[in-house]
Amino acid sequence: MPRKVDPDNPGQVGRRPSRPSFLALISLMWIAAGVVTLAYLHASWKLVPAIVYFGLGLLYLRAAVASVMRRQRGD
């Protein structure tokens, strides 16, 4: 027996999105890595990995916020 498809709510195709708390935890870990890099790395190029770590942390934080917004919207 085939399922009835609601054209107004087609559902989600593919994997379910990650939990926002998990994404926020990863974000905090990357930001902490950036802080540790700035504080303890004694090299002239320490800004390069610190900026990369902060950038990755912000990307994961953006994903966490997007996941929260998607869940509130009902998608």
N, C-alpha and C. Protein backbone atom coordinates (compact mmCIF):
# COMPACT_ATOMS: atom_id res chain seq x y z
N MET A 1 0.84 -1.18 0.00
CA MET A 1 0.00 0.00 0.00
C MET A 1 0.89 1.24 0.00
N PRO A 2 0.83 2.06 -1.04
CA PRO A 2 1.68 3.25 -1.11
C PRO A 2 1.22 4.32 -0.12
N ARG A 3 2.22 5.07 0.35
CA ARG A 3 1.91 6.17 1.27
C ARG A 3 1.34 7.35 0.49
N LYS A 4 0.48 8.08 1.16
CA LYS A 4 -0.06 9.30 0.57
C LYS A 4 0.92 10.44 0.83
N VAL A 5 1.25 11.18 -0.21
CA VAL A 5 2.21 12.27 -0.10
C VAL A 5 1.44 13.58 -0.03
N ASP A 6 1.75 14.35 0.99
CA ASP A 6 1.16 15.67 1.14
C ASP A 6 2.00 16.67 0.35
N PRO A 7 1.45 17.29 -0.69
CA PRO A 7 2.26 18.21 -1.51
C PRO A 7 2.68 19.47 -0.76
N ASP A 8 1.94 19.84 0.29
CA ASP A 8 2.32 21.03 1.05
C ASP A 8 3.47 20.76 2.01
N ASN A 9 3.68 19.53 2.42
CA ASN A 9 4.74 19.16 3.34
C ASN A 9 5.47 17.93 2.79
N PRO A 10 6.42 18.15 1.87
CA PRO A 10 7.05 17.00 1.23
C PRO A 10 7.98 16.20 2.13
N GLY A 11 8.34 16.74 3.30
CA GLY A 11 9.25 16.02 4.20
C GLY A 11 10.69 16.36 3.91
N GLN A 12 11.57 15.64 4.54
CA GLN A 12 13.00 15.90 4.39
C GLN A 12 13.66 14.73 3.68
N VAL A 13 14.47 15.05 2.72
CA VAL A 13 15.20 14.04 1.98
C VAL A 13 16.62 13.99 2.53
N GLY A 14 17.14 12.81 2.78
CA GLY A 14 18.51 12.67 3.24
C GLY A 14 18.60 12.53 4.75
N ARG A 15 19.78 12.82 5.25
CA ARG A 15 20.05 12.66 6.68
C ARG A 15 19.34 13.71 7.51
N ARG A 16 19.08 13.36 8.75
CA ARG A 16 18.55 14.34 9.68
C ARG A 16 19.66 15.28 10.11
N PRO A 17 19.33 16.55 10.40
CA PRO A 17 20.38 17.49 10.81
C PRO A 17 20.94 17.12 12.19
N SER A 18 22.15 17.55 12.44
CA SER A 18 22.79 17.28 13.72
C SER A 18 22.10 18.04 14.84
N ARG A 19 22.29 17.54 16.06
CA ARG A 19 21.71 18.22 17.21
C ARG A 19 22.43 19.54 17.45
N PRO A 20 21.68 20.61 17.76
CA PRO A 20 22.32 21.92 17.99
C PRO A 20 23.30 21.90 19.16
N SER A 21 23.01 21.13 20.19
CA SER A 21 23.92 21.09 21.33
C SER A 21 25.26 20.47 20.95
N PHE A 22 25.24 19.46 20.09
CA PHE A 22 26.48 18.84 19.63
C PHE A 22 27.30 19.83 18.79
N LEU A 23 26.62 20.55 17.90
CA LEU A 23 27.31 21.53 17.08
C LEU A 23 27.88 22.68 17.92
N ALA A 24 27.13 23.10 18.94
CA ALA A 24 27.62 24.17 19.83
C ALA A 24 28.83 23.69 20.63
N LEU A 25 28.82 22.44 21.06
CA LEU A 25 29.96 21.89 21.80
C LEU A 25 31.21 21.87 20.91
N ILE A 26 31.07 21.43 19.68
CA ILE A 26 32.20 21.43 18.75
C ILE A 26 32.68 22.86 18.51
N SER A 27 31.75 23.79 18.41
CA SER A 27 32.10 25.19 18.22
C SER A 27 32.93 25.71 19.39
N LEU A 28 32.50 25.42 20.59
CA LEU A 28 33.24 25.87 21.78
C LEU A 28 34.62 25.23 21.85
N MET A 29 34.73 23.99 21.41
CA MET A 29 36.03 23.32 21.42
C MET A 29 36.99 24.00 20.43
N TRP A 30 36.53 24.37 19.25
CA TRP A 30 37.39 25.04 18.29
C TRP A 30 37.78 26.43 18.78
N ILE A 31 36.83 27.14 19.38
CA ILE A 31 37.15 28.48 19.91
C ILE A 31 38.14 28.36 21.05
N ALA A 32 37.99 27.36 21.92
CA ALA A 32 38.95 27.14 23.00
C ALA A 32 40.32 26.81 22.43
N ALA A 33 40.36 26.04 21.36
CA ALA A 33 41.64 25.74 20.72
C ALA A 33 42.30 27.02 20.20
N GLY A 34 41.50 27.94 19.70
CA GLY A 34 42.05 29.23 19.25
C GLY A 34 42.61 30.05 20.40
N VAL A 35 41.92 30.03 21.53
CA VAL A 35 42.40 30.77 22.71
C VAL A 35 43.69 30.15 23.21
N VAL A 36 43.73 28.81 23.29
CA VAL A 36 44.94 28.13 23.75
C VAL A 36 46.09 28.40 22.79
N THR A 37 45.82 28.41 21.51
CA THR A 37 46.86 28.69 20.52
C THR A 37 47.44 30.09 20.71
N LEU A 38 46.56 31.07 20.92
CA LEU A 38 47.04 32.44 21.14
C LEU A 38 47.82 32.56 22.44
N ALA A 39 47.40 31.83 23.46
CA ALA A 39 48.03 31.99 24.77
C ALA A 39 49.35 31.23 24.90
N TYR A 40 49.44 30.05 24.32
CA TYR A 40 50.58 29.19 24.61
C TYR A 40 51.53 28.93 23.45
N LEU A 41 51.15 29.26 22.25
CA LEU A 41 52.05 29.04 21.13
C LEU A 41 52.99 30.23 21.02
N HIS A 42 54.28 29.96 21.09
CA HIS A 42 55.27 31.04 21.05
C HIS A 42 56.01 31.02 19.72
N ALA A 43 55.27 31.31 18.69
CA ALA A 43 55.85 31.38 17.36
C ALA A 43 55.36 32.67 16.71
N SER A 44 56.10 33.12 15.74
CA SER A 44 55.72 34.37 15.08
C SER A 44 54.47 34.21 14.23
N TRP A 45 54.13 32.99 13.84
CA TRP A 45 52.99 32.74 12.97
C TRP A 45 51.79 32.20 13.74
N LYS A 46 51.71 32.42 15.06
CA LYS A 46 50.63 31.85 15.86
C LYS A 46 49.25 32.41 15.49
N LEU A 47 49.21 33.56 14.85
CA LEU A 47 47.91 34.11 14.46
C LEU A 47 47.24 33.28 13.37
N VAL A 48 48.01 32.62 12.53
CA VAL A 48 47.43 31.85 11.42
C VAL A 48 46.57 30.70 11.95
N PRO A 49 47.09 29.79 12.79
CA PRO A 49 46.22 28.71 13.27
C PRO A 49 45.10 29.24 14.19
N ALA A 50 45.37 30.30 14.94
CA ALA A 50 44.34 30.85 15.82
C ALA A 50 43.15 31.37 15.00
N ILE A 51 43.43 32.06 13.92
CA ILE A 51 42.35 32.58 13.07
C ILE A 51 41.59 31.43 12.43
N VAL A 52 42.29 30.39 12.01
CA VAL A 52 41.63 29.22 11.43
C VAL A 52 40.72 28.56 12.47
N TYR A 53 41.22 28.39 13.70
CA TYR A 53 40.43 27.76 14.75
C TYR A 53 39.20 28.59 15.10
N PHE A 54 39.37 29.91 15.21
CA PHE A 54 38.22 30.77 15.49
C PHE A 54 37.21 30.71 14.34
N GLY A 55 37.71 30.69 13.11
CA GLY A 55 36.81 30.62 11.96
C GLY A 55 36.01 29.32 11.94
N LEU A 56 36.68 28.20 12.22
CA LEU A 56 35.96 26.93 12.28
C LEU A 56 34.93 26.95 13.41
N GLY A 57 35.29 27.53 14.54
CA GLY A 57 34.34 27.64 15.65
C GLY A 57 33.12 28.45 15.27
N LEU A 58 33.33 29.53 14.55
CA LEU A 58 32.19 30.35 14.12
C LEU A 58 31.32 29.62 13.10
N LEU A 59 31.95 28.83 12.23
CA LEU A 59 31.16 28.07 11.26
C LEU A 59 30.27 27.03 11.96
N TYR A 60 30.83 26.35 12.96
CA TYR A 60 30.02 25.38 13.70
C TYR A 60 28.94 26.09 14.52
N LEU A 61 29.26 27.27 15.05
CA LEU A 61 28.25 28.02 15.80
C LEU A 61 27.11 28.46 14.88
N ARG A 62 27.45 28.86 13.66
CA ARG A 62 26.42 29.23 12.68
C ARG A 62 25.54 28.03 12.34
N ALA A 63 26.17 26.85 12.22
CA ALA A 63 25.40 25.64 11.94
C ALA A 63 24.46 25.30 13.09
N ALA A 64 24.92 25.51 14.33
CA ALA A 64 24.06 25.24 15.49
C ALA A 64 22.85 26.18 15.50
N VAL A 65 23.10 27.45 15.23
CA VAL A 65 22.00 28.42 15.19
C VAL A 65 21.03 28.09 14.06
N ALA A 66 21.56 27.70 12.91
CA ALA A 66 20.69 27.34 11.79
C ALA A 66 19.86 26.10 12.11
N SER A 67 20.45 25.16 12.83
CA SER A 67 19.71 23.96 13.20
C SER A 67 18.58 24.29 14.18
N VAL A 68 18.86 25.20 15.12
CA VAL A 68 17.81 25.63 16.06
C VAL A 68 16.68 26.33 15.30
N MET A 69 17.04 27.22 14.39
CA MET A 69 16.04 27.95 13.62
C MET A 69 15.20 26.98 12.77
N ARG A 70 15.86 25.98 12.18
CA ARG A 70 15.14 25.00 11.35
C ARG A 70 14.17 24.19 12.19
N ARG A 71 14.58 23.82 13.40
CA ARG A 71 13.69 23.04 14.27
C ARG A 71 12.52 23.87 14.75
N GLN A 72 12.73 25.17 15.01
CA GLN A 72 11.64 26.02 15.45
C GLN A 72 10.65 26.26 14.33
N ARG A 73 11.16 26.32 13.11
CA ARG A 73 10.30 26.55 11.94
C ARG A 73 9.47 25.33 11.61
N GLY A 74 10.00 24.15 11.99
CA GLY A 74 9.23 22.94 11.76
C GLY A 74 9.65 22.14 10.55
N ASP A 75 10.81 22.44 9.99
CA ASP A 75 11.27 21.70 8.80
C ASP A 75 11.84 20.36 9.19
